[in-house]
C-alpha atoms as a PDB file:
ATOM      1  CA  UNK A   1      37.210  13.902-113.221  1.00  0.00           C
ATOM      2  CA  UNK A   2      35.371  16.024-115.799  1.00  0.00           C
ATOM      3  CA  UNK A   3      35.099  19.762-116.395  1.00  0.00           C
ATOM      4  CA  UNK A   4      32.108  21.987-117.140  1.00  0.00           C
ATOM      5  CA  UNK A   5      34.330  24.572-118.881  1.00  0.00           C
ATOM      6  CA  UNK A   6      37.231  22.443-120.190  1.00  0.00           C
ATOM      7  CA  UNK A   7      38.449  25.231-122.500  1.00  0.00           C
ATOM      8  CA  UNK A   8      39.624  27.122-119.399  1.00  0.00           C
ATOM      9  CA  UNK A   9      42.318  24.481-118.931  1.00  0.00           C
ATOM     10  CA  UNK A  10      44.286  26.305-121.627  1.00  0.00           C
ATOM     11  CA  UNK A  11      45.031  28.863-118.913  1.00  0.00           C
ATOM     12  CA  UNK A  12      47.401  26.277-117.384  1.00  0.00           C
ATOM     13  CA  UNK A  13      49.870  27.338-120.074  1.00  0.00           C
ATOM     14  CA  UNK A  14      50.595  30.239-117.734  1.00  0.00           C
ATOM     15  CA  UNK A  15      52.250  27.774-115.327  1.00  0.00           C
ATOM     16  CA  UNK A  16      55.294  26.896-117.507  1.00  0.00           C
ATOM     17  CA  UNK A  17      55.579  30.597-118.388  1.00  0.00           C
ATOM     18  CA  UNK A  18      55.707  31.415-114.667  1.00  0.00           C
ATOM     19  CA  UNK A  19      58.289  28.644-114.108  1.00  0.00           C
ATOM     20  CA  UNK A  20      60.410  29.975-116.939  1.00  0.00           C
ATOM     21  CA  UNK A  21      60.201  33.491-115.524  1.00  0.00           C
ATOM     22  CA  UNK A  22      61.261  32.281-112.086  1.00  0.00           C
ATOM     23  CA  UNK A  23      64.225  30.340-113.476  1.00  0.00           C
ATOM     24  CA  UNK A  24      65.314  33.399-115.443  1.00  0.00           C
ATOM     25  CA  UNK A  25      65.100  35.591-112.328  1.00  0.00           C
ATOM     26  CA  UNK A  26      67.139  33.062-110.316  1.00  0.00           C
ATOM     27  CA  UNK A  27      69.876  32.909-112.948  1.00  0.00           C
ATOM     28  CA  UNK A  28      70.025  36.682-113.089  1.00  0.00           C
ATOM     29  CA  UNK A  29      70.252  36.760-109.295  1.00  0.00           C
ATOM     30  CA  UNK A  30      73.130  34.239-109.250  1.00  0.00           C
ATOM     31  CA  UNK A  31      75.072  36.318-111.772  1.00  0.00           C
ATOM     32  CA  UNK A  32      74.553  39.430-109.625  1.00  0.00           C
ATOM     33  CA  UNK A  33      75.647  37.557-106.491  1.00  0.00           C
ATOM     34  CA  UNK A  34      78.752  36.219-108.281  1.00  0.00           C
ATOM     35  CA  UNK A  35      79.777  39.717-109.361  1.00  0.00           C
ATOM     36  CA  UNK A  36      79.737  40.920-105.738  1.00  0.00           C
ATOM     37  CA  UNK A  37      81.004  37.710-104.121  1.00  0.00           C
ATOM     38  CA  UNK A  38      84.371  39.248-103.180  1.00  0.00           C
ATOM     39  CA  UNK A  39      82.565  41.881-101.105  1.00  0.00           C
ATOM     40  CA  UNK A  40      80.050  39.613 -99.318  1.00  0.00           C
ATOM     41  CA  UNK A  41      80.354  35.842 -99.410  1.00  0.00           C
ATOM     42  CA  UNK A  42      84.087  35.755 -98.756  1.00  0.00           C
ATOM     43  CA  UNK A  43      83.934  38.114 -95.773  1.00  0.00           C
ATOM     44  CA  UNK A  44      84.022  36.677 -92.243  1.00  0.00           C
ATOM     45  CA  UNK A  45      80.551  36.489 -90.687  1.00  0.00           C
ATOM     46  CA  UNK A  46      78.777  36.678 -94.062  1.00  0.00           C
ATOM     47  CA  UNK A  47      75.240  35.235 -94.000  1.00  0.00           C
ATOM     48  CA  UNK A  48      75.097  31.883 -95.842  1.00  0.00           C
ATOM     49  CA  UNK A  49      72.850  31.342 -98.884  1.00  0.00           C
ATOM     50  CA  UNK A  50      69.396  30.151 -97.698  1.00  0.00           C
ATOM     51  CA  UNK A  51      69.364  27.265-100.213  1.00  0.00           C
ATOM     52  CA  UNK A  52      66.088  25.339-100.793  1.00  0.00           C
ATOM     53  CA  UNK A  53      64.321  27.444 -98.180  1.00  0.00           C
ATOM     54  CA  UNK A  54      64.454  30.335-100.640  1.00  0.00           C
ATOM     55  CA  UNK A  55      62.518  28.320-103.254  1.00  0.00           C
ATOM     56  CA  UNK A  56      59.740  26.944-101.020  1.00  0.00           C
ATOM     57  CA  UNK A  57      57.449  30.040-100.984  1.00  0.00           C
ATOM     58  CA  UNK A  58      57.584  30.415-104.806  1.00  0.00           C
ATOM     59  CA  UNK A  59      56.802  26.695-105.190  1.00  0.00           C
ATOM     60  CA  UNK A  60      53.751  27.130-102.960  1.00  0.00           C
ATOM     61  CA  UNK A  61      52.680  30.154-105.006  1.00  0.00           C
ATOM     62  CA  UNK A  62      53.100  28.109-108.192  1.00  0.00           C
ATOM     63  CA  UNK A  63      50.971  25.277-106.772  1.00  0.00           C
ATOM     64  CA  UNK A  64      48.343  27.835-105.754  1.00  0.00           C
ATOM     65  CA  UNK A  65      48.326  29.300-109.258  1.00  0.00           C
ATOM     66  CA  UNK A  66      47.844  25.821-110.782  1.00  0.00           C
ATOM     67  CA  UNK A  67      44.911  24.994-108.469  1.00  0.00           C
ATOM     68  CA  UNK A  68      43.199  28.319-109.098  1.00  0.00           C
ATOM     69  CA  UNK A  69      43.549  27.920-112.868  1.00  0.00           C
ATOM     70  CA  UNK A  70      42.075  24.392-112.696  1.00  0.00           C
ATOM     71  CA  UNK A  71      39.169  25.742-110.657  1.00  0.00           C
ATOM     72  CA  UNK A  72      38.345  28.103-113.548  1.00  0.00           C
ATOM     73  CA  UNK A  73      37.395  25.008-115.591  1.00  0.00           C
ATOM     74  CA  UNK A  74      34.785  24.057-112.926  1.00  0.00           C
ATOM     75  CA  UNK A  75      35.891  20.466-112.202  1.00  0.00           C
ATOM     76  CA  UNK A  76      33.380  17.733-111.394  1.00  0.00           C
ATOM     77  CA  UNK A  77      33.875  14.350-109.792  1.00  0.00           C
ATOM     78  CA  UNK A  78      31.759  11.490-108.473  1.00  0.00           C
ATOM     79  CA  UNK A  79      31.375  11.795-104.707  1.00  0.00           C
ATOM     80  CA  UNK A  80      29.656   9.337-102.359  1.00  0.00           C
ATOM     81  CA  UNK A  81      27.234  11.410-100.294  1.00  0.00           C
ATOM     82  CA  UNK A  82      25.278  10.213 -97.238  1.00  0.00           C
ATOM     83  CA  UNK A  83      21.612  11.118 -97.139  1.00  0.00           C
ATOM     84  CA  UNK A  84      18.367  10.110 -95.462  1.00  0.00           C
ATOM     85  CA  UNK A  85      15.854   8.972 -98.056  1.00  0.00           C
ATOM     86  CA  UNK A  86      12.999   6.645 -98.874  1.00  0.00           C
ATOM     87  CA  UNK A  87      11.714   5.288-102.174  1.00  0.00           C
ATOM     88  CA  UNK A  88       8.111   4.932-103.340  1.00  0.00           C
ATOM     89  CA  UNK A  89       7.203   3.160-106.583  1.00  0.00           C
ATOM     90  CA  UNK A  90       3.763   3.953-108.011  1.00  0.00           C
ATOM     91  CA  UNK A  91       2.740   0.823-109.951  1.00  0.00           C
ATOM     92  CA  UNK A  92      -0.215   1.543-112.245  1.00  0.00           C
ATOM     93  CA  UNK A  93      -2.495  -1.074-113.731  1.00  0.00           C
ATOM     94  CA  UNK A  94      -2.876   0.082-117.348  1.00  0.00           C
ATOM     95  CA  UNK A  95      -4.810  -2.948-118.587  1.00  0.00           C
ATOM     96  CA  UNK A  96      -7.899  -2.604-120.767  1.00  0.00           C
ATOM     97  CA  UNK A  97     -10.238  -3.037-117.790  1.00  0.00           C
ATOM     98  CA  UNK A  98      -8.913   0.216-116.318  1.00  0.00           C
ATOM     99  CA  UNK A  99     -10.881   2.032-119.043  1.00  0.00           C
ATOM    100  CA  UNK A 100     -14.112   1.043-117.251  1.00  0.00           C
ATOM    101  CA  UNK A 101     -16.227   3.966-116.090  1.00  0.00           C
ATOM    102  CA  UNK A 102     -17.815   2.532-112.944  1.00  0.00           C
ATOM    103  CA  UNK A 103     -15.624   5.157-111.236  1.00  0.00           C
ATOM    104  CA  UNK A 104     -15.872   8.454-113.070  1.00  0.00           C
ATOM    105  CA  UNK A 105     -14.450   9.401-115.444  1.00  0.00           C
ATOM    106  CA  UNK A 106     -12.605   6.043-115.691  1.00  0.00           C
ATOM    107  CA  UNK A 107     -10.763   3.757-113.301  1.00  0.00           C
ATOM    108  CA  UNK A 108      -7.369   4.806-114.684  1.00  0.00           C
ATOM    109  CA  UNK A 109      -8.167   8.509-114.415  1.00  0.00           C
ATOM    110  CA  UNK A 110      -9.347   8.017-110.829  1.00  0.00           C
ATOM    111  CA  UNK A 111      -6.085   6.184-110.073  1.00  0.00           C
ATOM    112  CA  UNK A 112      -4.132   9.079-111.599  1.00  0.00           C
ATOM    113  CA  UNK A 113      -5.937  11.608-109.404  1.00  0.00           C
ATOM    114  CA  UNK A 114      -5.254   9.562-106.263  1.00  0.00           C
ATOM    115  CA  UNK A 115      -1.590   9.183-107.213  1.00  0.00           C
ATOM    116  CA  UNK A 116      -1.119  12.859-108.097  1.00  0.00           C
ATOM    117  CA  UNK A 117      -2.506  13.922-104.721  1.00  0.00           C
ATOM    118  CA  UNK A 118      -0.192  11.445-103.032  1.00  0.00           C
ATOM    119  CA  UNK A 119       2.874  12.741-104.929  1.00  0.00           C
ATOM    120  CA  UNK A 120       2.163  16.362-104.048  1.00  0.00           C
ATOM    121  CA  UNK A 121       2.000  15.566-100.333  1.00  0.00           C
ATOM    122  CA  UNK A 122       5.291  13.647-100.064  1.00  0.00           C
ATOM    123  CA  UNK A 123       8.311  15.216 -98.292  1.00  0.00           C
ATOM    124  CA  UNK A 124      11.340  16.104-100.461  1.00  0.00           C
ATOM    125  CA  UNK A 125      13.517  13.254 -99.146  1.00  0.00           C
ATOM    126  CA  UNK A 126      11.235  10.663-100.775  1.00  0.00           C
ATOM    127  CA  UNK A 127      12.167   9.569-104.296  1.00  0.00           C
ATOM    128  CA  UNK A 128       9.146   8.523-106.371  1.00  0.00           C
ATOM    129  CA  UNK A 129       9.214   6.277-109.436  1.00  0.00           C
ATOM    130  CA  UNK A 130       6.459   5.202-111.826  1.00  0.00           C
ATOM    131  CA  UNK A 131       5.852   1.721-113.237  1.00  0.00           C
ATOM    132  CA  UNK A 132       3.091   0.593-115.590  1.00  0.00           C
ATOM    133  CA  UNK A 133       1.839  -2.942-116.097  1.00  0.00           C
ATOM    134  CA  UNK A 134      -0.676  -4.734-118.276  1.00  0.00           C
ATOM    135  CA  UNK A 135       0.418  -8.129-119.619  1.00  0.00           C
ATOM    136  CA  UNK A 136       4.005  -6.931-119.020  1.00  0.00           C
ATOM    137  CA  UNK A 137       5.660  -4.624-116.524  1.00  0.00           C
ATOM    138  CA  UNK A 138       7.801  -1.665-117.564  1.00  0.00           C
ATOM    139  CA  UNK A 139       9.489   1.305-115.943  1.00  0.00           C
ATOM    140  CA  UNK A 140       8.229   4.732-116.978  1.00  0.00           C
ATOM    141  CA  UNK A 141      10.023   7.033-114.532  1.00  0.00           C
ATOM    142  CA  UNK A 142      13.042   6.167-112.433  1.00  0.00           C
ATOM    143  CA  UNK A 143      12.795   7.233-108.772  1.00  0.00           C
ATOM    144  CA  UNK A 144      13.415  10.953-108.447  1.00  0.00           C
ATOM    145  CA  UNK A 145      12.777  13.843-106.086  1.00  0.00           C
ATOM    146  CA  UNK A 146      11.601  15.966-109.044  1.00  0.00           C
ATOM    147  CA  UNK A 147       7.823  16.028-108.598  1.00  0.00           C
ATOM    148  CA  UNK A 148       7.197  17.591-112.022  1.00  0.00           C
ATOM    149  CA  UNK A 149       8.845  14.627-113.769  1.00  0.00           C
ATOM    150  CA  UNK A 150       6.763  12.172-111.750  1.00  0.00           C
ATOM    151  CA  UNK A 151       3.485  13.981-112.469  1.00  0.00           C
ATOM    152  CA  UNK A 152       4.332  14.180-116.181  1.00  0.00           C
ATOM    153  CA  UNK A 153       4.981  10.409-116.229  1.00  0.00           C
ATOM    154  CA  UNK A 154       1.603   9.741-114.586  1.00  0.00           C
ATOM    155  CA  UNK A 155      -0.206  11.880-117.166  1.00  0.00           C
ATOM    156  CA  UNK A 156       1.288   9.800-120.005  1.00  0.00           C
ATOM    157  CA  UNK A 157      -0.390   6.571-118.855  1.00  0.00           C
ATOM    158  CA  UNK A 158      -3.060   5.068-121.149  1.00  0.00           C
ATOM    159  CA  UNK A 159      -4.952   1.719-121.090  1.00  0.00           C
ATOM    160  CA  UNK A 160      -3.183  -1.183-122.840  1.00  0.00           C
ATOM    161  CA  UNK A 161      -3.952  -4.932-122.906  1.00  0.00           C
ATOM    162  CA  UNK A 162      -4.347  -7.732-120.318  1.00  0.00           C
ATOM    163  CA  UNK A 163      -3.478  -7.740-116.613  1.00  0.00           C
ATOM    164  CA  UNK A 164      -0.501  -9.327-114.882  1.00  0.00           C
ATOM    165  CA  UNK A 165      -0.231  -7.928-111.367  1.00  0.00           C
ATOM    166  CA  UNK A 166       2.854 -10.084-110.778  1.00  0.00           C
ATOM    167  CA  UNK A 167       4.696  -8.393-113.651  1.00  0.00           C
ATOM    168  CA  UNK A 168       3.846  -5.036-112.091  1.00  0.00           C
ATOM    169  CA  UNK A 169       5.351  -6.115-108.769  1.00  0.00           C
ATOM    170  CA  UNK A 170       8.438  -7.583-110.477  1.00  0.00           C
ATOM    171  CA  UNK A 171       8.999  -4.411-112.526  1.00  0.00           C
ATOM    172  CA  UNK A 172       8.686  -2.325-109.349  1.00  0.00           C
ATOM    173  CA  UNK A 173      11.228  -4.478-107.504  1.00  0.00           C
ATOM    174  CA  UNK A 174      13.578  -4.276-110.468  1.00  0.00           C
ATOM    175  CA  UNK A 175      13.248  -0.485-110.462  1.00  0.00           C
ATOM    176  CA  UNK A 176      14.079  -0.336-106.750  1.00  0.00           C
ATOM    177  CA  UNK A 177      17.000  -2.716-107.248  1.00  0.00           C
ATOM    178  CA  UNK A 178      18.498  -0.722-110.120  1.00  0.00           C
ATOM    179  CA  UNK A 179      17.970   2.592-108.333  1.00  0.00           C
ATOM    180  CA  UNK A 180      19.770   1.411-105.206  1.00  0.00           C
ATOM    181  CA  UNK A 181      22.625   0.060-107.320  1.00  0.00           C
ATOM    182  CA  UNK A 182      22.873   3.271-109.334  1.00  0.00           C
ATOM    183  CA  UNK A 183      21.916   1.567-112.605  1.00  0.00           C
ATOM    184  CA  UNK A 184      20.397   3.473-115.547  1.00  0.00           C
ATOM    185  CA  UNK A 185      16.658   3.380-116.153  1.00  0.00           C
ATOM    186  CA  UNK A 186      15.179   4.352-119.483  1.00  0.00           C
ATOM    187  CA  UNK A 187      11.641   4.824-120.828  1.00  0.00           C
ATOM    188  CA  UNK A 188      10.879   3.646-124.344  1.00  0.00           C
ATOM    189  CA  UNK A 189       7.830   3.959-126.596  1.00  0.00           C
ATOM    190  CA  UNK A 190       8.519   0.519-128.037  1.00  0.00           C
ATOM    191  CA  UNK A 191       6.345  -2.474-127.150  1.00  0.00           C
ATOM    192  CA  UNK A 192       7.293  -3.398-123.571  1.00  0.00           C
ATOM    193  CA  UNK A 193       9.214  -6.624-123.098  1.00  0.00           C
ATOM    194  CA  UNK A 194       8.989  -8.902-120.051  1.00  0.00           C
ATOM    195  CA  UNK A 195      10.894  -7.381-117.151  1.00  0.00           C
ATOM    196  CA  UNK A 196      13.725  -9.638-115.884  1.00  0.00           C
ATOM    197  CA  UNK A 197      13.486 -10.866-112.333  1.00  0.00           C
ATOM    198  CA  UNK A 198      15.436  -8.688-109.869  1.00  0.00           C
ATOM    199  CA  UNK A 199      18.737  -9.964-108.547  1.00  0.00           C
ATOM    200  CA  UNK A 200      18.072 -11.859-105.285  1.00  0.00           C
ATOM    201  CA  UNK A 201      19.081  -9.927-102.173  1.00  0.00           C
ATOM    202  CA  UNK A 202      18.872 -10.705 -98.442  1.00  0.00           C
ATOM    203  CA  UNK A 203      15.529 -10.353 -96.688  1.00  0.00           C
ATOM    204  CA  UNK A 204      14.802  -6.881 -95.390  1.00  0.00           C
ATOM    205  CA  UNK A 205      17.271  -5.237 -97.783  1.00  0.00           C
ATOM    206  CA  UNK A 206      14.931  -2.486 -98.977  1.00  0.00           C
ATOM    207  CA  UNK A 207      12.944  -1.630 -95.855  1.00  0.00           C
ATOM    208  CA  UNK A 208      13.160   2.037 -96.887  1.00  0.00           C
ATOM    209  CA  UNK A 209      11.184   1.331-100.087  1.00  0.00           C
ATOM    210  CA  UNK A 210       7.467   0.716-100.647  1.00  0.00           C
ATOM    211  CA  UNK A 211       5.265  -0.007-103.653  1.00  0.00           C
ATOM    212  CA  UNK A 212       1.888   1.669-104.078  1.00  0.00           C
ATOM    213  CA  UNK A 213      -0.001  -0.607-106.476  1.00  0.00           C
ATOM    214  CA  UNK A 214      -3.099   0.955-108.069  1.00  0.00           C
ATOM    215  CA  UNK A 215      -5.250  -1.662-109.773  1.00  0.00           C
ATOM    216  CA  UNK A 216      -8.719  -3.186-110.091  1.00  0.00           C
ATOM    217  CA  UNK A 217      -7.078  -6.451-109.028  1.00  0.00           C
ATOM    218  CA  UNK A 218      -8.432  -8.573-111.878  1.00  0.00           C
ATOM    219  CA  UNK A 219      -5.449 -10.755-112.761  1.00  0.00           C
ATOM    220  CA  UNK A 220      -5.741 -12.756-115.999  1.00  0.00           C
ATOM    221  CA  UNK A 221      -2.076 -13.381-116.838  1.00  0.00           C
ATOM    222  CA  UNK A 222       0.689 -15.497-115.311  1.00  0.00           C
ATOM    223  CA  UNK A 223       2.611 -15.651-112.997  1.00  0.00           C
ATOM    224  CA  UNK A 224       0.920 -15.821-109.606  1.00  0.00           C
ATOM    225  CA  UNK A 225       0.715 -12.318-108.035  1.00  0.00           C
ATOM    226  CA  UNK A 226       0.960 -13.749-104.504  1.00  0.00           C
ATOM    227  CA  UNK A 227       4.291 -15.391-105.346  1.00  0.00           C
ATOM    228  CA  UNK A 228       5.574 -12.036-106.575  1.00  0.00           C
ATOM    229  CA  UNK A 229       4.262 -10.434-103.392  1.00  0.00           C
ATOM    230  CA  UNK A 230       6.220 -12.956-101.333  1.00  0.00           C
ATOM    231  CA  UNK A 231       9.386 -11.986-103.237  1.00  0.00           C
ATOM    232  CA  UNK A 232       8.736  -8.357-102.303  1.00  0.00           C
ATOM    233  CA  UNK A 233       8.213  -9.348 -98.674  1.00  0.00           C
ATOM    234  CA  UNK A 234      11.491 -11.292 -98.667  1.00  0.00           C
ATOM    235  CA  UNK A 235      13.321  -8.165 -99.831  1.00  0.00           C
ATOM    236  CA  UNK A 236      11.714  -6.024 -97.153  1.00  0.00           C
ATOM    237  CA  UNK A 237       9.467  -4.090 -99.570  1.00  0.00           C
ATOM    238  CA  UNK A 238       5.912  -3.428 -98.391  1.00  0.00           C
ATOM    239  CA  UNK A 239       3.120  -3.153-100.959  1.00  0.00           C
ATOM    240  CA  UNK A 240       0.182  -0.812-100.349  1.00  0.00           C
ATOM    241  CA  UNK A 241      -2.622  -1.739-102.721  1.00  0.00           C
ATOM    242  CA  UNK A 242      -5.238   0.714-103.933  1.00  0.00           C
ATOM    243  CA  UNK A 243      -8.452  -0.781-105.283  1.00  0.00           C
ATOM    244  CA  UNK A 244      -9.833   1.103-108.271  1.00  0.00           C
ATOM    245  CA  UNK A 245     -13.366   0.179-109.294  1.00  0.00           C
ATOM    246  CA  UNK A 246     -16.655  -0.917-107.798  1.00  0.00           C
ATOM    247  CA  UNK A 247     -17.656  -4.301-106.417  1.00  0.00           C
ATOM    248  CA  UNK A 248     -20.688  -4.301-108.748  1.00  0.00           C
ATOM    249  CA  UNK A 249     -18.434  -3.693-111.747  1.00  0.00           C
ATOM    250  CA  UNK A 250     -19.431  -2.772-115.277  1.00  0.00           C
ATOM    251  CA  UNK A 251     -19.487  -4.230-118.770  1.00  0.00           C
ATOM    252  CA  UNK A 252     -16.928  -3.193-121.384  1.00  0.00           C
ATOM    253  CA  UNK A 253     -17.150  -3.586-125.147  1.00  0.00           C
ATOM    254  CA  UNK A 254     -13.648  -4.642-126.268  1.00  0.00           C
ATOM    255  CA  UNK A 255     -12.815  -5.814-129.824  1.00  0.00           C
ATOM    256  CA  UNK A 256     -16.367  -6.885-130.519  1.00  0.00           C
ATOM    257  CA  UNK A 257     -16.798  -8.691-127.185  1.00  0.00           C
ATOM    258  CA  UNK A 258     -18.656  -7.712-124.052  1.00  0.00           C
ATOM    259  CA  UNK A 259     -16.574  -8.252-120.920  1.00  0.00           C
ATOM    260  CA  UNK A 260     -17.812  -7.802-117.373  1.00  0.00           C
ATOM    261  CA  UNK A 261     -15.175  -6.399-115.028  1.00  0.00           C
ATOM    262  CA  UNK A 262     -15.318  -5.686-111.321  1.00  0.00           C
ATOM    263  CA  UNK A 263     -12.973  -4.826-108.475  1.00  0.00           C
ATOM    264  CA  UNK A 264     -11.146  -7.847-107.031  1.00  0.00           C
ATOM    265  CA  UNK A 265     -10.516  -6.633-103.490  1.00  0.00           C
ATOM    266  CA  UNK A 266      -9.627 -10.093-102.181  1.00  0.00           C
ATOM    267  CA  UNK A 267      -6.451 -10.369-104.282  1.00  0.00           C
ATOM    268  CA  UNK A 268      -5.347  -6.834-103.469  1.00  0.00           C
ATOM    269  CA  UNK A 269      -5.885  -7.374 -99.747  1.00  0.00           C
ATOM    270  CA  UNK A 270      -3.868 -10.613 -99.853  1.00  0.00           C
ATOM    271  CA  UNK A 271      -0.953  -8.883-101.593  1.00  0.00           C
ATOM    272  CA  UNK A 272      -0.934  -6.154 -98.954  1.00  0.00           C
ATOM    273  CA  UNK A 273      -1.173  -8.673 -96.131  1.00  0.00           C
ATOM    274  CA  UNK A 274       1.710 -10.837 -97.408  1.00  0.00           C
ATOM    275  CA  UNK A 275       4.064  -7.843 -97.583  1.00  0.00           C
ATOM    276  CA  UNK A 276       2.991  -6.094 -94.386  1.00  0.00           C
ATOM    277  CA  UNK A 277       1.326  -3.241 -96.258  1.00  0.00           C
ATOM    278  CA  UNK A 278      -2.299  -2.123 -96.258  1.00  0.00           C
ATOM    279  CA  UNK A 279      -5.269  -1.977 -98.609  1.00  0.00           C
ATOM    280  CA  UNK A 280      -7.022   1.268 -99.568  1.00  0.00           C
ATOM    281  CA  UNK A 281      -9.872   2.178-101.834  1.00  0.00           C
ATOM    282  CA  UNK A 282      -9.283   4.871-104.449  1.00  0.00           C
ATOM    283  CA  UNK A 283     -12.458   6.584-103.268  1.00  0.00           C
ATOM    284  CA  UNK A 284     -10.741   7.174 -99.931  1.00  0.00           C
ATOM    285  CA  UNK A 285      -7.454   8.356-101.416  1.00  0.00           C
ATOM    286  CA  UNK A 286      -6.877  10.647 -98.436  1.00  0.00           C
ATOM    287  CA  UNK A 287      -5.718   7.557 -96.549  1.00  0.00           C
ATOM    288  CA  UNK A 288      -2.797   7.246 -98.949  1.00  0.00           C
ATOM    289  CA  UNK A 289      -1.088  10.181 -97.266  1.00  0.00           C
ATOM    290  CA  UNK A 290      -0.561   7.996 -94.206  1.00  0.00           C
ATOM    291  CA  UNK A 291       1.711   5.649 -96.163  1.00  0.00           C
ATOM    292  CA  UNK A 292       4.698   7.886 -95.476  1.00  0.00           C
ATOM    293  CA  UNK A 293       4.163   7.378 -91.748  1.00  0.00           C
ATOM    294  CA  UNK A 294       4.941   3.692 -92.328  1.00  0.00           C
ATOM    295  CA  UNK A 295       7.946   4.376 -94.536  1.00  0.00           C
ATOM    296  CA  UNK A 296      11.278   3.798 -92.825  1.00  0.00           C
ATOM    297  CA  UNK A 297      13.781   6.239 -94.401  1.00  0.00           C
ATOM    298  CA  UNK A 298      17.372   5.090 -94.075  1.00  0.00           C
ATOM    299  CA  UNK A 299      20.822   6.609 -94.267  1.00  0.00           C
ATOM    300  CA  UNK A 300      22.199   5.609 -97.653  1.00  0.00           C
ATOM    301  CA  UNK A 301      25.454   6.360 -99.465  1.00  0.00           C
ATOM    302  CA  UNK A 302      24.873   7.267-103.092  1.00  0.00           C
ATOM    303  CA  UNK A 303      27.476   8.283-105.676  1.00  0.00           C
ATOM    304  CA  UNK A 304      26.655  11.609-107.317  1.00  0.00           C
ATOM    305  CA  UNK A 305      28.495  13.850-109.736  1.00  0.00           C
ATOM    306  CA  UNK A 306      29.373  17.025-107.875  1.00  0.00           C
ATOM    307  CA  UNK A 307      31.163  20.237-108.823  1.00  0.00           C
ATOM    308  CA  UNK A 308      34.319  20.633-106.728  1.00  0.00           C
ATOM    309  CA  UNK A 309      35.405  24.087-107.893  1.00  0.00           C
ATOM    310  CA  UNK A 310      35.293  25.409-104.335  1.00  0.00           C
ATOM    311  CA  UNK A 311      37.707  22.692-103.158  1.00  0.00           C
ATOM    312  CA  UNK A 312      40.311  23.613-105.769  1.00  0.00           C
ATOM    313  CA  UNK A 313      39.856  27.342-105.136  1.00  0.00           C
ATOM    314  CA  UNK A 314      40.076  26.839-101.371  1.00  0.00           C
ATOM    315  CA  UNK A 315      43.231  24.730-101.678  1.00  0.00           C
ATOM    316  CA  UNK A 316      44.777  27.387-103.932  1.00  0.00           C
ATOM    317  CA  UNK A 317      44.055  30.150-101.432  1.00  0.00           C
ATOM    318  CA  UNK A 318      45.473  27.989 -98.622  1.00  0.00           C
ATOM    319  CA  UNK A 319      48.725  27.492-100.533  1.00  0.00           C
ATOM    320  CA  UNK A 320      48.910  31.246-101.155  1.00  0.00           C
ATOM    321  CA  UNK A 321      48.469  31.913 -97.434  1.00  0.00           C
ATOM    322  CA  UNK A 322      51.119  29.376 -96.409  1.00  0.00           C
ATOM    323  CA  UNK A 323      53.605  30.614 -99.025  1.00  0.00           C
ATOM    324  CA  UNK A 324      53.054  34.235 -98.026  1.00  0.00           C
ATOM    325  CA  UNK A 325      53.528  33.388 -94.347  1.00  0.00           C
ATOM    326  CA  UNK A 326      56.817  31.583 -94.978  1.00  0.00           C
ATOM    327  CA  UNK A 327      58.087  34.401 -97.179  1.00  0.00           C
ATOM    328  CA  UNK A 328      57.264  37.084 -94.621  1.00  0.00           C
ATOM    329  CA  UNK A 329      58.771  35.086 -91.752  1.00  0.00           C
ATOM    330  CA  UNK A 330      61.995  34.153 -93.510  1.00  0.00           C
ATOM    331  CA  UNK A 331      62.652  37.073 -95.864  1.00  0.00           C
ATOM    332  CA  UNK A 332      60.337  39.870 -94.673  1.00  0.00           C
ATOM    333  CA  UNK A 333      58.793  40.062 -98.107  1.00  0.00           C
ATOM    334  CA  UNK A 334      56.317  38.334-100.457  1.00  0.00           C
ATOM    335  CA  UNK A 335      57.908  36.894-103.631  1.00  0.00           C
END
């Protein structure tokens, strides 16, 4: 357990002071009773000393005081909360070919626009993450319900090097895996390293998660993207591919070379088919909104840090109520 205002715990020093005051009052009371014992306790029919019953209400009041003082420090603890949610990973192709301008202003900018519209139309119970891939795959934004963070991550994307669609799929699966296990995800400006393969899980494990892969589909790096797509299918993750570019293509001037690049719809359609997803064209981005209709949100239990001040305050008030009730019933007074 942690505390937002830990300095307020110093107030617990009032507890031993209260205990000391109570002990002093009890000793004073015993001396007073002893001085009058010949007039009361030794008389026939005298009412016996109530014993421990006399101390129970003050003990309850002391416990209430302790709980209320702890609540002043605003305690926090990790609580497992059930919630209905789904996860969408936006996997962006940031290879050099995405700088082509056969779709204005460029393929990558068109993909950003399609993705931003998609993000803004998702319900709040969908967590959205962002992955980028060129010749490697890397996480940029862990899945979150904060739309501003997701949109900011999308705006940071810029064209990089070659294209490995498989690394994009693997990085997306790894992001889903870590998110569901509560693992930390971090973004770094350093040169991205190959993303490790996700830990194998039973088929259908992540049916509440989908990948939206935005790419021109031109794969020129290993491994095989269809093998990666089969891994996604085995884990229950559908991939919706979004083709960015034109079938006619265009010619790019890169590092002194002229390279012709065009949309590879066949590969993107195969990836979608293997995983049970669907293929869209970025020029018909409105269709992306329908992806949520195919998302299967599930009830999940996720550990979250939660402030429990109200629980301590409520327990303290309950102890006060019980102690006051006992005191009124037994002694017709409140200690």
